[in-house]
Amino acid sequence: MAEPKHLLDLSVEDFNKFLDSFDHVLSDCDGVIWTQNPLPRVGEFFKQMKKRGKTVNFVSNNSIRSRANYETQFKAADIDNGFESLIIPSIAVAEYLKSVKFNKTVYCVTCTEAIRVLEAHGFKCKEGPDLGPEYYGEYIQYLEDDEEIGAVVFDSDFRINLPKMYRAITYLKRPEVLFINGATDRAVPMKPGLLALGTGVFADLVTAEVKREPVLLGKPGKAFGEFAMKRAGITDPSRVLFIGDMIAQDVSLGKAVGFNTLLVLTNTTKEEMLSHTIRPDYYAESLGSIVPLIQ
């Protein structure tokens, strides 16, 4: 297994070869550009990439943020037109449903913002309930099928519960019902160095129960990476540098699609990176640490 290369340890010649190895940058947001606040010098990094003729787009598993929130975050990071260059699961799901001419109701085990996006694209959505009864016998009501449901979508529902899972499983017993996953993160960064349980584990439970694999329209799904390429007007994955902070989501996506990969060590230590079966091509402490090399 190839050893990841530390960008700051490369010779000038090898660093220039690295810069010449890609024409397009796809970058994660949370943990790469910001945590709660923008990380140092990230805006400078992307400006330098554009100055060198690279296209820059952003890919996030976070459908929870509203457009206004994303725009505020990008502005604080000194990144122009960030939202217009952003690809997130909820948009990918909407475009996928359009592509298959979907005309039934979507059962959403998702965040509120993902439902808003789907409805804005003309899809009828059903959700909930957010609370279930205490007595298990009353859960039989959530095992009743609804023939109007034609798709079940999971995407970052931090209010997930047993009633929702029961309904999802019931609908997915019909093979014609589409099964779609957005964000599949099993861990989410709460602050630098602190990961907590993500909502992906619940989608995994449903997957095992219904014995069906979902269409993955979030990282690390190959289909999501290909959707990001299409949205960004990219045709050759080998000329893409994908930047992320999570091996399971970001590096795995890059490997699935054929991107070059750069891991920033915001939420992963060097030791964890080297012990993993999936490794990035390059790594650095942060994007800010690379800026002096490209100015």
C-alpha atoms as a PDB file:
ATOM      1  CA  MET A   1       0.000   0.000   0.000  1.00  0.00           C
ATOM      2  CA  ALA A   2       1.459   3.339  -1.079  1.00  0.00           C
ATOM      3  CA  GLU A   3       2.571   5.749   1.619  1.00  0.00           C
ATOM      4  CA  PRO A   4       0.658   9.066   1.594  1.00  0.00           C
ATOM      5  CA  LYS A   5       2.921  11.984   0.715  1.00  0.00           C
ATOM      6  CA  HIS A   6       3.161  14.924   3.103  1.00  0.00           C
ATOM      7  CA  LEU A   7       2.873  18.005   0.903  1.00  0.00           C
ATOM      8  CA  LEU A   8       5.087  20.111   3.113  1.00  0.00           C
ATOM      9  CA  ASP A   9       7.913  17.555   2.816  1.00  0.00           C
ATOM     10  CA  LEU A  10       7.967  17.499  -0.988  1.00  0.00           C
ATOM     11  CA  SER A  11      10.828  19.051  -2.921  1.00  0.00           C
ATOM     12  CA  VAL A  12      10.019  22.107  -5.039  1.00  0.00           C
ATOM     13  CA  GLU A  13      10.118  19.916  -8.151  1.00  0.00           C
ATOM     14  CA  ASP A  14       7.783  17.292  -6.686  1.00  0.00           C
ATOM     15  CA  PHE A  15       5.403  19.925  -5.330  1.00  0.00           C
ATOM     16  CA  ASN A  16       5.161  21.482  -8.800  1.00  0.00           C
ATOM     17  CA  LYS A  17       4.460  18.026 -10.234  1.00  0.00           C
ATOM     18  CA  PHE A  18       1.664  17.720  -7.668  1.00  0.00           C
ATOM     19  CA  LEU A  19       0.168  21.045  -8.806  1.00  0.00           C
ATOM     20  CA  ASP A  20       0.423  19.971 -12.439  1.00  0.00           C
ATOM     21  CA  SER A  21      -1.339  16.654 -11.741  1.00  0.00           C
ATOM     22  CA  PHE A  22      -4.847  18.173 -11.530  1.00  0.00           C
ATOM     23  CA  ASP A  23      -7.021  20.747 -13.269  1.00  0.00           C
ATOM     24  CA  HIS A  24     -10.016  20.659 -10.942  1.00  0.00           C
ATOM     25  CA  VAL A  25     -10.468  20.940  -7.178  1.00  0.00           C
ATOM     26  CA  LEU A  26     -13.436  19.389  -5.388  1.00  0.00           C
ATOM     27  CA  SER A  27     -13.365  20.184  -1.692  1.00  0.00           C
ATOM     28  CA  ASP A  28     -15.370  19.135   1.328  1.00  0.00           C
ATOM     29  CA  CYS A  29     -16.573  21.964   3.588  1.00  0.00           C
ATOM     30  CA  ASP A  30     -17.044  20.896   7.227  1.00  0.00           C
ATOM     31  CA  GLY A  31     -13.647  20.129   8.720  1.00  0.00           C
ATOM     32  CA  VAL A  32     -11.765  21.446   5.678  1.00  0.00           C
ATOM     33  CA  ILE A  33     -12.966  25.031   5.232  1.00  0.00           C
ATOM     34  CA  TRP A  34     -14.523  25.542   8.628  1.00  0.00           C
ATOM     35  CA  THR A  35     -15.370  23.835  11.898  1.00  0.00           C
ATOM     36  CA  GLN A  36     -17.567  26.256  13.819  1.00  0.00           C
ATOM     37  CA  ASN A  37     -15.538  29.125  12.350  1.00  0.00           C
ATOM     38  CA  PRO A  38     -13.445  29.380   9.185  1.00  0.00           C
ATOM     39  CA  LEU A  39     -10.059  27.694   9.375  1.00  0.00           C
ATOM     40  CA  PRO A  40      -7.031  29.954   8.808  1.00  0.00           C
ATOM     41  CA  ARG A  41      -6.171  31.020   5.259  1.00  0.00           C
ATOM     42  CA  VAL A  42      -8.625  28.707   3.476  1.00  0.00           C
ATOM     43  CA  GLY A  43      -9.878  31.565   1.297  1.00  0.00           C
ATOM     44  CA  GLU A  44      -6.313  32.272   0.196  1.00  0.00           C
ATOM     45  CA  PHE A  45      -5.828  28.630  -0.757  1.00  0.00           C
ATOM     46  CA  PHE A  46      -8.794  28.552  -3.129  1.00  0.00           C
ATOM     47  CA  LYS A  47      -7.922  31.951  -4.615  1.00  0.00           C
ATOM     48  CA  GLN A  48      -4.450  30.604  -5.419  1.00  0.00           C
ATOM     49  CA  MET A  49      -5.961  27.510  -7.003  1.00  0.00           C
ATOM     50  CA  LYS A  50      -8.109  29.666  -9.295  1.00  0.00           C
ATOM     51  CA  LYS A  51      -5.135  31.931 -10.033  1.00  0.00           C
ATOM     52  CA  ARG A  52      -3.310  28.824 -11.272  1.00  0.00           C
ATOM     53  CA  GLY A  53      -6.183  28.006 -13.612  1.00  0.00           C
ATOM     54  CA  LYS A  54      -7.872  25.309 -11.540  1.00  0.00           C
ATOM     55  CA  THR A  55     -11.646  25.078 -11.342  1.00  0.00           C
ATOM     56  CA  VAL A  56     -12.943  25.019  -7.765  1.00  0.00           C
ATOM     57  CA  ASN A  57     -16.157  23.376  -6.579  1.00  0.00           C
ATOM     58  CA  PHE A  58     -17.382  22.189  -3.194  1.00  0.00           C
ATOM     59  CA  VAL A  59     -18.895  18.846  -2.192  1.00  0.00           C
ATOM     60  CA  SER A  60     -20.539  18.346   1.191  1.00  0.00           C
ATOM     61  CA  ASN A  61     -22.627  15.654   2.885  1.00  0.00           C
ATOM     62  CA  ASN A  62     -24.317  18.375   4.911  1.00  0.00           C
ATOM     63  CA  SER A  63     -27.873  18.956   3.647  1.00  0.00           C
ATOM     64  CA  ILE A  64     -28.848  20.392   7.039  1.00  0.00           C
ATOM     65  CA  ARG A  65     -27.495  23.879   6.402  1.00  0.00           C
ATOM     66  CA  SER A  66     -29.747  26.342   4.614  1.00  0.00           C
ATOM     67  CA  ARG A  67     -28.550  28.333   1.627  1.00  0.00           C
ATOM     68  CA  ALA A  68     -28.346  31.435   3.838  1.00  0.00           C
ATOM     69  CA  ASN A  69     -26.179  29.569   6.351  1.00  0.00           C
ATOM     70  CA  TYR A  70     -23.846  28.261   3.646  1.00  0.00           C
ATOM     71  CA  GLU A  71     -23.528  31.710   2.112  1.00  0.00           C
ATOM     72  CA  THR A  72     -22.652  33.176   5.516  1.00  0.00           C
ATOM     73  CA  GLN A  73     -20.018  30.470   6.091  1.00  0.00           C
ATOM     74  CA  PHE A  74     -18.436  30.919   2.663  1.00  0.00           C
ATOM     75  CA  LYS A  75     -18.367  34.691   3.076  1.00  0.00           C
ATOM     76  CA  ALA A  76     -16.704  34.388   6.486  1.00  0.00           C
ATOM     77  CA  ALA A  77     -14.083  32.122   4.873  1.00  0.00           C
ATOM     78  CA  ASP A  78     -13.490  34.745   2.137  1.00  0.00           C
ATOM     79  CA  ILE A  79     -14.747  32.442  -0.630  1.00  0.00           C
ATOM     80  CA  ASP A  80     -16.737  34.049  -3.450  1.00  0.00           C
ATOM     81  CA  ASN A  81     -19.769  32.311  -4.977  1.00  0.00           C
ATOM     82  CA  GLY A  82     -19.282  29.253  -2.763  1.00  0.00           C
ATOM     83  CA  PHE A  83     -22.898  28.167  -2.657  1.00  0.00           C
ATOM     84  CA  GLU A  84     -23.246  28.407  -6.439  1.00  0.00           C
ATOM     85  CA  SER A  85     -20.346  25.923  -6.687  1.00  0.00           C
ATOM     86  CA  LEU A  86     -21.690  23.548  -4.010  1.00  0.00           C
ATOM     87  CA  ILE A  87     -22.982  20.001  -4.475  1.00  0.00           C
ATOM     88  CA  ILE A  88     -24.939  18.407  -1.575  1.00  0.00           C
ATOM     89  CA  PRO A  89     -26.981  15.177  -1.266  1.00  0.00           C
ATOM     90  CA  SER A  90     -30.431  16.802  -1.236  1.00  0.00           C
ATOM     91  CA  ILE A  91     -29.801  18.378  -4.652  1.00  0.00           C
ATOM     92  CA  ALA A  92     -28.403  15.094  -5.976  1.00  0.00           C
ATOM     93  CA  VAL A  93     -31.504  13.224  -4.751  1.00  0.00           C
ATOM     94  CA  ALA A  94     -33.839  15.741  -6.412  1.00  0.00           C
ATOM     95  CA  GLU A  95     -31.971  15.505  -9.712  1.00  0.00           C
ATOM     96  CA  TYR A  96     -31.954  11.703  -9.527  1.00  0.00           C
ATOM     97  CA  LEU A  97     -35.713  11.561  -8.949  1.00  0.00           C
ATOM     98  CA  LYS A  98     -36.223  13.872 -11.917  1.00  0.00           C
ATOM     99  CA  SER A  99     -34.033  11.631 -14.087  1.00  0.00           C
ATOM    100  CA  VAL A 100     -36.210   8.569 -13.376  1.00  0.00           C
ATOM    101  CA  LYS A 101     -39.420  10.603 -13.876  1.00  0.00           C
ATOM    102  CA  PHE A 102     -40.576   9.932 -10.313  1.00  0.00           C
ATOM    103  CA  ASN A 103     -44.223  10.917  -9.748  1.00  0.00           C
ATOM    104  CA  LYS A 104     -45.254   9.433  -6.388  1.00  0.00           C
ATOM    105  CA  THR A 105     -44.677  10.523  -2.762  1.00  0.00           C
ATOM    106  CA  VAL A 106     -41.262  10.497  -1.082  1.00  0.00           C
ATOM    107  CA  TYR A 107     -41.047   9.255   2.502  1.00  0.00           C
ATOM    108  CA  CYS A 108     -38.300  11.400   4.012  1.00  0.00           C
ATOM    109  CA  VAL A 109     -36.147  10.283   6.913  1.00  0.00           C
ATOM    110  CA  THR A 110     -34.175  13.457   6.428  1.00  0.00           C
ATOM    111  CA  CYS A 111     -33.378  16.853   7.823  1.00  0.00           C
ATOM    112  CA  THR A 112     -35.928  19.634   7.311  1.00  0.00           C
ATOM    113  CA  GLU A 113     -33.792  21.418   4.736  1.00  0.00           C
ATOM    114  CA  ALA A 114     -33.636  18.305   2.524  1.00  0.00           C
ATOM    115  CA  ILE A 115     -37.445  18.165   2.502  1.00  0.00           C
ATOM    116  CA  ARG A 116     -37.551  21.836   1.553  1.00  0.00           C
ATOM    117  CA  VAL A 117     -35.206  21.170  -1.379  1.00  0.00           C
ATOM    118  CA  LEU A 118     -37.266  18.204  -2.615  1.00  0.00           C
ATOM    119  CA  GLU A 119     -40.510  20.156  -2.351  1.00  0.00           C
ATOM    120  CA  ALA A 120     -38.921  23.091  -4.180  1.00  0.00           C
ATOM    121  CA  HIS A 121     -38.170  20.675  -7.018  1.00  0.00           C
ATOM    122  CA  GLY A 122     -41.856  19.720  -7.165  1.00  0.00           C
ATOM    123  CA  PHE A 123     -41.878  16.469  -5.179  1.00  0.00           C
ATOM    124  CA  LYS A 124     -44.548  15.562  -2.640  1.00  0.00           C
ATOM    125  CA  CYS A 125     -43.029  14.520   0.692  1.00  0.00           C
ATOM    126  CA  LYS A 126     -44.221  12.689   3.775  1.00  0.00           C
ATOM    127  CA  GLU A 127     -42.288  12.609   7.059  1.00  0.00           C
ATOM    128  CA  GLY A 128     -42.486  11.735  10.740  1.00  0.00           C
ATOM    129  CA  PRO A 129     -43.614  11.112  13.330  1.00  0.00           C
ATOM    130  CA  ASP A 130     -41.039  12.869  15.490  1.00  0.00           C
ATOM    131  CA  LEU A 131     -42.316  11.154  18.654  1.00  0.00           C
ATOM    132  CA  GLY A 132     -43.506   7.592  19.261  1.00  0.00           C
ATOM    133  CA  PRO A 133     -45.630   6.026  22.000  1.00  0.00           C
ATOM    134  CA  GLU A 134     -44.043   4.418  25.044  1.00  0.00           C
ATOM    135  CA  TYR A 135     -45.841   1.056  24.722  1.00  0.00           C
ATOM    136  CA  TYR A 136     -44.411  -1.167  21.973  1.00  0.00           C
ATOM    137  CA  GLY A 137     -47.813  -2.626  21.045  1.00  0.00           C
ATOM    138  CA  GLU A 138     -48.903   0.738  19.681  1.00  0.00           C
ATOM    139  CA  TYR A 139     -46.111   0.619  17.091  1.00  0.00           C
ATOM    140  CA  ILE A 140     -48.224  -1.640  14.893  1.00  0.00           C
ATOM    141  CA  GLN A 141     -49.677   1.516  13.349  1.00  0.00           C
ATOM    142  CA  TYR A 142     -46.271   2.231  11.772  1.00  0.00           C
ATOM    143  CA  LEU A 143     -46.269  -1.144  10.006  1.00  0.00           C
ATOM    144  CA  GLU A 144     -49.160  -0.197   7.732  1.00  0.00           C
ATOM    145  CA  ASP A 145     -48.165   0.256   4.099  1.00  0.00           C
ATOM    146  CA  ASP A 146     -48.989   3.341   2.041  1.00  0.00           C
ATOM    147  CA  GLU A 147     -49.225   2.585  -1.676  1.00  0.00           C
ATOM    148  CA  GLU A 148     -48.672   6.235  -2.521  1.00  0.00           C
ATOM    149  CA  ILE A 149     -45.081   6.056  -1.236  1.00  0.00           C
ATOM    150  CA  GLY A 150     -42.720   5.402  -4.148  1.00  0.00           C
ATOM    151  CA  ALA A 151     -39.366   6.278  -2.589  1.00  0.00           C
ATOM    152  CA  VAL A 152     -37.693   6.267   0.828  1.00  0.00           C
ATOM    153  CA  VAL A 153     -34.886   8.776   1.326  1.00  0.00           C
ATOM    154  CA  PHE A 154     -32.444   8.897   4.241  1.00  0.00           C
ATOM    155  CA  ASP A 155     -30.362  12.049   4.689  1.00  0.00           C
ATOM    156  CA  SER A 156     -29.101  13.418   8.010  1.00  0.00           C
ATOM    157  CA  ASP A 157     -32.195  13.050  10.191  1.00  0.00           C
ATOM    158  CA  PHE A 158     -30.898  13.636  13.723  1.00  0.00           C
ATOM    159  CA  ARG A 159     -34.458  13.175  14.997  1.00  0.00           C
ATOM    160  CA  ILE A 160     -34.672   9.624  13.710  1.00  0.00           C
ATOM    161  CA  ASN A 161     -36.641   7.153  15.836  1.00  0.00           C
ATOM    162  CA  LEU A 162     -38.276   3.725  15.725  1.00  0.00           C
ATOM    163  CA  PRO A 163     -41.577   4.849  14.142  1.00  0.00           C
ATOM    164  CA  LYS A 164     -39.682   6.329  11.203  1.00  0.00           C
ATOM    165  CA  MET A 165     -37.568   3.213  10.815  1.00  0.00           C
ATOM    166  CA  TYR A 166     -40.655   0.978  10.986  1.00  0.00           C
ATOM    167  CA  ARG A 167     -42.338   3.000   8.256  1.00  0.00           C
ATOM    168  CA  ALA A 168     -39.239   3.003   6.064  1.00  0.00           C
ATOM    169  CA  ILE A 169     -38.846  -0.768   6.411  1.00  0.00           C
ATOM    170  CA  THR A 170     -42.533  -1.333   5.659  1.00  0.00           C
ATOM    171  CA  TYR A 171     -42.451   0.752   2.467  1.00  0.00           C
ATOM    172  CA  LEU A 172     -39.179  -0.787   1.290  1.00  0.00           C
ATOM    173  CA  LYS A 173     -40.635  -4.296   1.417  1.00  0.00           C
ATOM    174  CA  ARG A 174     -42.194  -3.392  -1.924  1.00  0.00           C
ATOM    175  CA  PRO A 175     -39.340  -3.863  -4.444  1.00  0.00           C
ATOM    176  CA  GLU A 176     -40.582  -1.070  -6.710  1.00  0.00           C
ATOM    177  CA  VAL A 177     -40.053   1.530  -3.935  1.00  0.00           C
ATOM    178  CA  LEU A 178     -36.802   3.419  -4.515  1.00  0.00           C
ATOM    179  CA  PHE A 179     -34.272   3.302  -1.664  1.00  0.00           C
ATOM    180  CA  ILE A 180     -31.974   6.338  -1.618  1.00  0.00           C
ATOM    181  CA  ASN A 181     -29.313   7.413   0.863  1.00  0.00           C
ATOM    182  CA  GLY A 182     -27.837  10.883   1.068  1.00  0.00           C
ATOM    183  CA  ALA A 183     -25.288  11.360   3.838  1.00  0.00           C
ATOM    184  CA  THR A 184     -24.171   8.005   5.251  1.00  0.00           C
ATOM    185  CA  ASP A 185     -21.758   9.368   7.850  1.00  0.00           C
ATOM    186  CA  ARG A 186     -21.331   6.959  10.758  1.00  0.00           C
ATOM    187  CA  ALA A 187     -19.423   9.658  12.617  1.00  0.00           C
ATOM    188  CA  VAL A 188     -19.714  13.438  12.557  1.00  0.00           C
ATOM    189  CA  PRO A 189     -17.178  16.034  13.770  1.00  0.00           C
ATOM    190  CA  MET A 190     -18.444  18.088  16.709  1.00  0.00           C
ATOM    191  CA  LYS A 191     -15.198  20.045  17.048  1.00  0.00           C
ATOM    192  CA  PRO A 192     -11.606  19.410  15.951  1.00  0.00           C
ATOM    193  CA  GLY A 193     -10.580  15.994  17.237  1.00  0.00           C
ATOM    194  CA  LEU A 194     -14.047  15.056  18.563  1.00  0.00           C
ATOM    195  CA  LEU A 195     -16.231  12.682  16.540  1.00  0.00           C
ATOM    196  CA  ALA A 196     -19.721  11.576  17.583  1.00  0.00           C
ATOM    197  CA  LEU A 197     -22.192   8.996  16.282  1.00  0.00           C
ATOM    198  CA  GLY A 198     -23.710   9.945  12.917  1.00  0.00           C
ATOM    199  CA  THR A 199     -27.086   9.122  11.401  1.00  0.00           C
ATOM    200  CA  GLY A 200     -25.607   6.698   8.873  1.00  0.00           C
ATOM    201  CA  VAL A 201     -25.757   3.868  11.401  1.00  0.00           C
ATOM    202  CA  PHE A 202     -29.561   3.958  11.308  1.00  0.00           C
ATOM    203  CA  ALA A 203     -29.689   3.737   7.527  1.00  0.00           C
ATOM    204  CA  ASP A 204     -27.345   0.743   7.858  1.00  0.00           C
ATOM    205  CA  LEU A 205     -29.850  -0.961  10.183  1.00  0.00           C
ATOM    206  CA  VAL A 206     -32.653  -0.461   7.662  1.00  0.00           C
ATOM    207  CA  THR A 207     -30.420  -1.700   4.838  1.00  0.00           C
ATOM    208  CA  ALA A 208     -29.703  -4.901   6.746  1.00  0.00           C
ATOM    209  CA  GLU A 209     -33.371  -5.375   7.650  1.00  0.00           C
ATOM    210  CA  VAL A 210     -34.753  -5.000   4.112  1.00  0.00           C
ATOM    211  CA  LYS A 211     -31.767  -6.747   2.478  1.00  0.00           C
ATOM    212  CA  ARG A 212     -31.509  -4.046  -0.165  1.00  0.00           C
ATOM    213  CA  GLU A 213     -28.675  -1.720  -1.097  1.00  0.00           C
ATOM    214  CA  PRO A 214     -29.644   1.946  -1.506  1.00  0.00           C
ATOM    215  CA  VAL A 215     -28.600   4.281  -4.275  1.00  0.00           C
ATOM    216  CA  LEU A 216     -25.843   6.285  -2.559  1.00  0.00           C
ATOM    217  CA  LEU A 217     -26.233   9.975  -3.401  1.00  0.00           C
ATOM    218  CA  GLY A 218     -23.865  11.222  -0.707  1.00  0.00           C
ATOM    219  CA  LYS A 219     -20.220  10.585   0.083  1.00  0.00           C
ATOM    220  CA  PRO A 220     -18.687   8.010  -0.352  1.00  0.00           C
ATOM    221  CA  GLY A 221     -21.128   6.842  -3.049  1.00  0.00           C
ATOM    222  CA  LYS A 222     -19.614   6.631  -6.528  1.00  0.00           C
ATOM    223  CA  ALA A 223     -22.875   7.878  -8.052  1.00  0.00           C
ATOM    224  CA  PHE A 224     -22.603  11.037  -5.925  1.00  0.00           C
ATOM    225  CA  GLY A 225     -19.031  11.627  -7.073  1.00  0.00           C
ATOM    226  CA  GLU A 226     -20.074  11.214 -10.681  1.00  0.00           C
ATOM    227  CA  PHE A 227     -22.990  13.599 -10.113  1.00  0.00           C
ATOM    228  CA  ALA A 228     -20.541  16.155  -8.662  1.00  0.00           C
ATOM    229  CA  MET A 229     -18.343  15.803 -11.747  1.00  0.00           C
ATOM    230  CA  LYS A 230     -21.303  16.350 -14.057  1.00  0.00           C
ATOM    231  CA  ARG A 231     -22.466  19.436 -12.138  1.00  0.00           C
ATOM    232  CA  ALA A 232     -18.925  20.856 -12.228  1.00  0.00           C
ATOM    233  CA  GLY A 233     -18.464  20.103 -15.937  1.00  0.00           C
ATOM    234  CA  ILE A 234     -15.617  17.643 -15.324  1.00  0.00           C
ATOM    235  CA  THR A 235     -15.072  14.710 -17.685  1.00  0.00           C
ATOM    236  CA  ASP A 236     -11.759  13.178 -16.522  1.00  0.00           C
ATOM    237  CA  PRO A 237     -11.675  12.028 -12.862  1.00  0.00           C
ATOM    238  CA  SER A 238      -7.904  11.519 -12.991  1.00  0.00           C
ATOM    239  CA  ARG A 239      -7.473  15.307 -13.301  1.00  0.00           C
ATOM    240  CA  VAL A 240      -9.400  16.023 -10.077  1.00  0.00           C
ATOM    241  CA  LEU A 241      -7.972  16.710  -6.612  1.00  0.00           C
ATOM    242  CA  PHE A 242     -10.531  15.831  -3.947  1.00  0.00           C
ATOM    243  CA  ILE A 243      -9.881  17.427  -0.547  1.00  0.00           C
ATOM    244  CA  GLY A 244     -11.454  16.104   2.653  1.00  0.00           C
ATOM    245  CA  ASP A 245     -10.944  15.501   6.347  1.00  0.00           C
ATOM    246  CA  MET A 246     -12.577  12.063   6.726  1.00  0.00           C
ATOM    247  CA  ILE A 247     -11.150   8.840   5.342  1.00  0.00           C
ATOM    248  CA  ALA A 248     -14.438   6.897   5.305  1.00  0.00           C
ATOM    249  CA  GLN A 249     -16.366   9.592   3.424  1.00  0.00           C
ATOM    250  CA  ASP A 250     -13.870  11.723   1.521  1.00  0.00           C
ATOM    251  CA  VAL A 251     -10.913   9.516   0.661  1.00  0.00           C
ATOM    252  CA  SER A 252     -13.236   6.580  -0.040  1.00  0.00           C
ATOM    253  CA  LEU A 253     -15.242   8.724  -2.473  1.00  0.00           C
ATOM    254  CA  GLY A 254     -12.070   9.801  -4.230  1.00  0.00           C
ATOM    255  CA  LYS A 255     -10.860   6.229  -4.604  1.00  0.00           C
ATOM    256  CA  ALA A 256     -14.274   5.040  -5.851  1.00  0.00           C
ATOM    257  CA  VAL A 257     -14.395   7.620  -8.636  1.00  0.00           C
ATOM    258  CA  GLY A 258     -10.688   7.798  -9.505  1.00  0.00           C
ATOM    259  CA  PHE A 259      -9.759  11.213  -8.055  1.00  0.00           C
ATOM    260  CA  ASN A 260      -6.432  12.218  -6.571  1.00  0.00           C
ATOM    261  CA  THR A 261      -7.002  12.676  -2.839  1.00  0.00           C
ATOM    262  CA  LEU A 262      -5.713  15.112  -0.229  1.00  0.00           C
ATOM    263  CA  LEU A 263      -6.534  14.554   3.448  1.00  0.00           C
ATOM    264  CA  VAL A 264      -6.303  17.428   5.927  1.00  0.00           C
ATOM    265  CA  LEU A 265      -5.702  16.268   9.472  1.00  0.00           C
ATOM    266  CA  THR A 266      -8.494  18.226  11.162  1.00  0.00           C
ATOM    267  CA  ASN A 267     -10.279  15.146  12.481  1.00  0.00           C
ATOM    268  CA  THR A 268      -7.785  12.376  11.740  1.00  0.00           C
ATOM    269  CA  THR A 269      -4.313  11.898  13.195  1.00  0.00           C
ATOM    270  CA  LYS A 270      -1.357  10.825  11.079  1.00  0.00           C
ATOM    271  CA  GLU A 271      -1.258   7.541  13.006  1.00  0.00           C
ATOM    272  CA  GLU A 272      -4.946   6.862  12.275  1.00  0.00           C
ATOM    273  CA  MET A 273      -4.391   7.665   8.616  1.00  0.00           C
ATOM    274  CA  LEU A 274      -1.456   5.260   8.306  1.00  0.00           C
ATOM    275  CA  SER A 275      -3.314   2.457  10.088  1.00  0.00           C
ATOM    276  CA  HIS A 276      -6.316   2.699   7.751  1.00  0.00           C
ATOM    277  CA  THR A 277      -6.801   0.281   4.862  1.00  0.00           C
ATOM    278  CA  ILE A 278      -7.809   3.241   2.650  1.00  0.00           C
ATOM    279  CA  ARG A 279      -5.147   5.909   2.329  1.00  0.00           C
ATOM    280  CA  PRO A 280      -5.046   9.317   0.637  1.00  0.00           C
ATOM    281  CA  ASP A 281      -2.462  10.169  -1.994  1.00  0.00           C
ATOM    282  CA  TYR A 282      -1.395  13.289  -0.094  1.00  0.00           C
ATOM    283  CA  TYR A 283      -1.928  14.848   3.318  1.00  0.00           C
ATOM    284  CA  ALA A 284      -1.353  18.136   5.103  1.00  0.00           C
ATOM    285  CA  GLU A 285      -2.194  19.568   8.490  1.00  0.00           C
ATOM    286  CA  SER A 286      -4.593  22.085   6.908  1.00  0.00           C
ATOM    287  CA  LEU A 287      -5.161  24.024   3.698  1.00  0.00           C
ATOM    288  CA  GLY A 288      -3.685  27.069   5.412  1.00  0.00           C
ATOM    289  CA  SER A 289      -0.398  25.223   5.894  1.00  0.00           C
ATOM    290  CA  ILE A 290      -0.109  24.822   2.106  1.00  0.00           C
ATOM    291  CA  VAL A 291      -0.643  28.501   1.272  1.00  0.00           C
ATOM    292  CA  PRO A 292       3.016  29.592   1.751  1.00  0.00           C
ATOM    293  CA  LEU A 293       4.032  26.996  -0.843  1.00  0.00           C
ATOM    294  CA  ILE A 294       1.702  28.313  -3.549  1.00  0.00           C
ATOM    295  CA  GLN A 295       1.945  32.078  -3.120  1.00  0.00           C
END
